[in-house]
Amino acid sequence: MPGPGKKGNSVLRIDLIITLFMVTFGVLWIYLYIFQGGNTTGSKNTVANLQKQAAQPFTIPVSPVETIVPISTRATTPTFTPIPTATPVPATPTLTPLPSATPSPSLGSKYKVTFTRLNVINATEPGNDAGEVWLSFSVNGQTKRWPESTQYMQLQTGQNSPVNVEFIVILNASEKLNIFVNGTEVDVAFDDPMGQISKIYDSNSKFGLGTHFNERSTCDKGCFSLDYIIERI
């Protein structure tokens, strides 16, 4: 025969079962009331509603999936190649023309005197004999003799001969160009003078620039003339 302790345990178990049944029934009733719109009458109607809801499509909202573009096809930031810095072109220097050289008064200007031809007017010899002629030149202190290679040149009256004797002198505006030529015809006993040519040029006459023809000697016994050129160089 069971003792009083065991009887108490049986009663407790029965109470626990009843409590669980009531909780379960309450949960089921709440579910049917909330999800079936309060329709709690009739199990048959409840089952039909459950079957009807089960037949309805169940759609799970899905968020739109972002399309992943492969890295190789994505637009990339363009790479800009820097333009090389232009090397500045040096400016062409402006050349200032030098002023024309003006001879210094202290230095003066250079002139050339060229005797080109001797013309024998009178050889001082009887008949048509040739005279032995030579000339001495002096230009501003410089002296030369013609001919240089021989003692004299044999020339008849009316003949001429190239001379080609040159002098170069430097003159300033205050100086003068002095030309002196003496002619001589050589004889056995004594020489015959053929006259002299003496010319003076200054800045007023432009130092005689130009060509001079048949500049005649003083014609003592004999006589001659010279052609010469004065030029600035």
Protein backbone atom coordinates (compact mmCIF):
# COMPACT_ATOMS: atom_id res chain seq x y z
CA MET A 1 0.00 0.00 0.00
CA PRO A 2 1.52 3.25 -0.94
CA GLY A 3 2.56 5.62 1.72
CA PRO A 4 1.39 9.20 2.03
CA GLY A 5 4.54 10.56 0.31
CA LYS A 6 3.87 8.72 -2.91
CA LYS A 7 0.25 9.83 -3.03
CA GLY A 8 1.37 13.42 -2.87
CA ASN A 9 3.68 12.97 -5.80
CA SER A 10 0.88 11.50 -7.95
CA VAL A 11 -1.40 14.42 -7.29
CA LEU A 12 1.43 16.82 -8.17
CA ARG A 13 1.98 15.08 -11.49
CA ILE A 14 -1.68 15.26 -12.37
CA ASP A 15 -1.72 18.98 -11.62
CA LEU A 16 1.37 19.48 -13.78
CA ILE A 17 -0.23 17.63 -16.71
CA ILE A 18 -3.40 19.64 -16.41
CA THR A 19 -1.41 22.84 -16.31
CA LEU A 20 0.59 21.92 -19.41
CA PHE A 21 -2.63 20.97 -21.24
CA MET A 22 -4.20 24.27 -20.41
CA VAL A 23 -1.09 26.21 -21.48
CA THR A 24 -0.96 24.30 -24.73
CA PHE A 25 -4.64 24.85 -25.38
CA GLY A 26 -4.25 28.54 -24.60
CA VAL A 27 -1.35 28.93 -26.97
CA LEU A 28 -3.27 27.13 -29.71
CA TRP A 29 -6.34 29.28 -29.14
CA ILE A 30 -4.25 32.47 -29.26
CA TYR A 31 -2.67 31.31 -32.52
CA LEU A 32 -6.02 30.56 -34.12
CA TYR A 33 -7.50 33.82 -32.90
CA ILE A 34 -4.64 35.98 -34.09
CA PHE A 35 -3.76 34.27 -37.37
CA GLN A 36 -7.24 33.07 -38.35
CA GLY A 37 -9.00 36.37 -37.81
CA GLY A 38 -10.69 35.36 -34.56
CA ASN A 39 -12.47 32.33 -36.08
CA THR A 40 -12.21 29.76 -33.34
CA THR A 41 -15.35 27.75 -34.06
CA GLY A 42 -15.11 24.40 -35.59
CA SER A 43 -12.05 22.39 -36.11
CA LYS A 44 -13.11 21.59 -39.59
CA ASN A 45 -13.28 25.24 -40.55
CA THR A 46 -9.93 25.86 -38.86
CA VAL A 47 -8.27 23.04 -40.78
CA ALA A 48 -9.74 24.35 -44.04
CA ASN A 49 -8.36 27.79 -43.35
CA LEU A 50 -4.95 26.33 -42.61
CA GLN A 51 -5.02 24.33 -45.83
CA LYS A 52 -6.13 27.43 -47.78
CA GLN A 53 -3.26 29.51 -46.36
CA ALA A 54 -0.84 26.69 -47.01
CA ALA A 55 -1.91 26.68 -50.69
CA GLN A 56 -1.16 30.38 -51.13
CA PRO A 57 2.28 31.12 -52.55
CA PHE A 58 4.73 32.30 -50.03
CA THR A 59 6.98 35.02 -51.46
CA ILE A 60 10.12 35.98 -49.67
CA PRO A 61 11.04 39.57 -50.48
CA VAL A 62 14.50 39.61 -51.93
CA SER A 63 16.55 42.74 -52.11
CA PRO A 64 17.94 43.53 -55.57
CA VAL A 65 21.39 42.06 -55.93
CA GLU A 66 24.02 44.49 -57.09
CA THR A 67 25.63 43.44 -60.29
CA ILE A 68 29.30 42.99 -59.71
CA VAL A 69 31.32 44.24 -62.62
CA PRO A 70 34.65 42.49 -63.10
CA ILE A 71 37.61 44.63 -62.32
CA SER A 72 38.95 44.21 -65.85
CA THR A 73 35.77 45.76 -67.36
CA ARG A 74 35.37 48.60 -64.95
CA ALA A 75 36.05 52.10 -66.16
CA THR A 76 39.44 53.18 -64.96
CA THR A 77 40.74 56.65 -64.45
CA PRO A 78 42.69 57.65 -67.59
CA THR A 79 46.38 58.05 -67.14
CA PHE A 80 47.63 61.40 -68.40
CA THR A 81 51.17 61.57 -69.75
CA PRO A 82 52.60 64.92 -68.78
CA ILE A 83 53.64 67.10 -71.71
CA PRO A 84 57.36 67.71 -71.58
CA THR A 85 58.28 71.19 -70.57
CA ALA A 86 59.28 73.20 -73.59
CA THR A 87 62.86 74.37 -73.55
CA PRO A 88 62.82 78.13 -73.95
CA VAL A 89 64.50 79.24 -77.15
CA PRO A 90 67.05 81.90 -76.45
CA ALA A 91 66.10 85.15 -78.03
CA THR A 92 68.17 86.16 -80.98
CA PRO A 93 70.34 89.00 -79.84
CA THR A 94 69.75 92.25 -81.60
CA LEU A 95 72.89 93.34 -83.31
CA THR A 96 73.45 97.03 -83.20
CA PRO A 97 75.40 98.11 -86.25
CA LEU A 98 78.65 99.74 -85.40
CA PRO A 99 78.97 103.31 -86.50
CA SER A 100 81.12 103.93 -89.51
CA ALA A 101 84.69 104.37 -88.52
CA THR A 102 85.70 107.98 -88.64
CA PRO A 103 89.44 108.48 -88.86
CA SER A 104 90.83 110.11 -85.81
CA PRO A 105 92.38 113.50 -86.57
CA SER A 106 95.53 112.32 -84.82
CA LEU A 107 95.77 109.17 -86.94
CA GLY A 108 94.52 110.55 -90.24
CA SER A 109 93.51 108.65 -93.37
CA LYS A 110 95.55 106.48 -95.68
CA TYR A 111 96.13 107.49 -99.29
CA LYS A 112 97.89 105.76 -102.16
CA VAL A 113 99.66 107.60 -104.99
CA THR A 114 100.42 105.45 -108.05
CA PHE A 115 102.46 106.76 -111.01
CA THR A 116 101.35 104.73 -114.00
CA ARG A 117 102.96 106.10 -117.23
CA LEU A 118 105.82 108.28 -118.43
CA ASN A 119 105.41 110.23 -121.66
CA VAL A 120 108.66 111.59 -123.22
CA ILE A 121 107.97 114.98 -124.83
CA ASN A 122 111.63 115.88 -125.57
CA ALA A 123 114.49 113.41 -125.07
CA THR A 124 117.12 116.21 -125.52
CA GLU A 125 118.95 114.18 -128.18
CA PRO A 126 119.55 115.41 -131.75
CA GLY A 127 117.48 113.87 -134.51
CA ASN A 128 115.61 110.76 -133.47
CA ASP A 129 118.24 109.45 -131.09
CA ALA A 130 117.07 107.89 -127.83
CA GLY A 131 117.84 109.56 -124.60
CA GLU A 132 118.84 107.76 -121.38
CA VAL A 133 116.06 108.83 -119.04
CA TRP A 134 115.56 108.25 -115.33
CA LEU A 135 113.20 109.79 -112.76
CA SER A 136 113.40 110.50 -109.04
CA PHE A 137 110.15 110.59 -107.00
CA SER A 138 109.40 112.15 -103.63
CA VAL A 139 106.00 111.98 -101.89
CA ASN A 140 105.77 113.51 -98.38
CA GLY A 141 109.39 112.65 -97.67
CA GLN A 142 109.38 109.14 -99.16
CA THR A 143 111.71 108.72 -102.18
CA LYS A 144 112.00 106.19 -105.00
CA ARG A 145 113.91 105.93 -108.26
CA TRP A 146 112.78 104.75 -111.67
CA PRO A 147 113.88 102.50 -113.22
CA GLU A 148 115.01 100.49 -110.21
CA SER A 149 116.77 97.64 -111.99
CA THR A 150 118.93 99.69 -114.40
CA GLN A 151 120.64 103.09 -114.40
CA TYR A 152 118.27 104.57 -117.00
CA MET A 153 115.62 103.76 -119.65
CA GLN A 154 116.33 104.52 -123.34
CA LEU A 155 113.39 106.42 -124.79
CA GLN A 156 112.96 108.54 -127.88
CA THR A 157 110.96 111.73 -128.14
CA GLY A 158 107.25 110.87 -128.33
CA GLN A 159 107.62 107.44 -126.70
CA ASN A 160 106.01 106.39 -123.42
CA SER A 161 106.64 103.69 -120.85
CA PRO A 162 104.76 102.17 -117.91
CA VAL A 163 106.16 103.25 -114.55
CA ASN A 164 104.09 101.64 -111.75
CA VAL A 165 105.68 103.43 -108.81
CA GLU A 166 103.52 103.53 -105.63
CA PHE A 167 103.54 105.52 -102.41
CA ILE A 168 101.26 105.17 -99.35
CA VAL A 169 100.92 108.10 -96.97
CA ILE A 170 98.73 108.92 -93.97
CA LEU A 171 97.24 112.40 -93.87
CA ASN A 172 95.01 114.23 -91.42
CA ALA A 173 92.85 117.19 -92.31
CA SER A 174 95.51 119.75 -91.49
CA GLU A 175 98.26 118.14 -93.57
CA LYS A 176 99.12 118.37 -97.27
CA LEU A 177 100.07 115.89 -99.95
CA ASN A 178 103.34 116.93 -101.59
CA ILE A 179 104.40 115.32 -104.87
CA PHE A 180 107.73 116.03 -106.49
CA VAL A 181 109.26 114.32 -109.58
CA ASN A 182 112.57 115.22 -111.23
CA GLY A 183 113.56 113.99 -114.74
CA THR A 184 117.12 113.52 -116.00
CA GLU A 185 118.64 112.48 -119.34
CA VAL A 186 122.09 110.97 -118.93
CA ASP A 187 124.97 112.13 -121.19
CA VAL A 188 128.69 111.32 -121.31
CA ALA A 189 129.90 114.78 -120.50
CA PHE A 190 127.06 116.02 -118.33
CA ASP A 191 123.38 115.17 -117.69
CA ASP A 192 120.55 117.14 -119.26
CA PRO A 193 117.69 118.17 -116.99
CA MET A 194 114.22 117.21 -118.24
CA GLY A 195 112.24 119.38 -115.86
CA GLN A 196 110.28 118.82 -112.68
CA ILE A 197 106.71 118.15 -111.61
CA SER A 198 105.67 119.63 -108.26
CA LYS A 199 102.07 119.31 -106.98
CA ILE A 200 100.56 120.14 -103.57
CA TYR A 201 97.09 118.96 -102.49
CA ASP A 202 95.26 119.70 -99.22
CA SER A 203 91.91 118.82 -97.64
CA ASN A 204 90.19 121.59 -99.60
CA SER A 205 91.09 119.83 -102.85
CA LYS A 206 90.36 116.41 -101.24
CA PHE A 207 94.06 115.66 -101.46
CA GLY A 208 93.86 115.39 -105.26
CA LEU A 209 91.70 112.25 -105.29
CA GLY A 210 91.23 110.87 -108.78
CA THR A 211 93.19 110.17 -111.98
CA HIS A 212 95.60 112.75 -113.40
CA PHE A 213 96.70 112.57 -117.07
CA ASN A 214 99.70 114.23 -118.74
CA GLU A 215 100.83 116.18 -115.71
CA ARG A 216 103.66 118.08 -117.51
CA SER A 217 107.10 118.96 -116.20
CA THR A 218 108.59 122.46 -116.24
CA CYS A 219 110.45 121.53 -119.45
CA ASP A 220 113.94 123.02 -119.15
CA LYS A 221 115.96 121.49 -121.99
CA GLY A 222 114.08 118.24 -122.10
CA CYS A 223 110.42 117.64 -121.25
CA PHE A 224 108.13 114.83 -119.99
CA SER A 225 104.70 114.24 -118.48
CA LEU A 226 103.25 111.69 -116.07
CA ASP A 227 99.94 109.93 -115.49
CA TYR A 228 99.13 109.11 -111.85
CA ILE A 229 96.24 108.16 -109.57
CA ILE A 230 95.50 109.33 -106.01
CA GLU A 231 93.06 107.19 -104.00
CA ARG A 232 91.99 106.79 -100.42
CA ILE A 233 92.42 103.29 -99.00
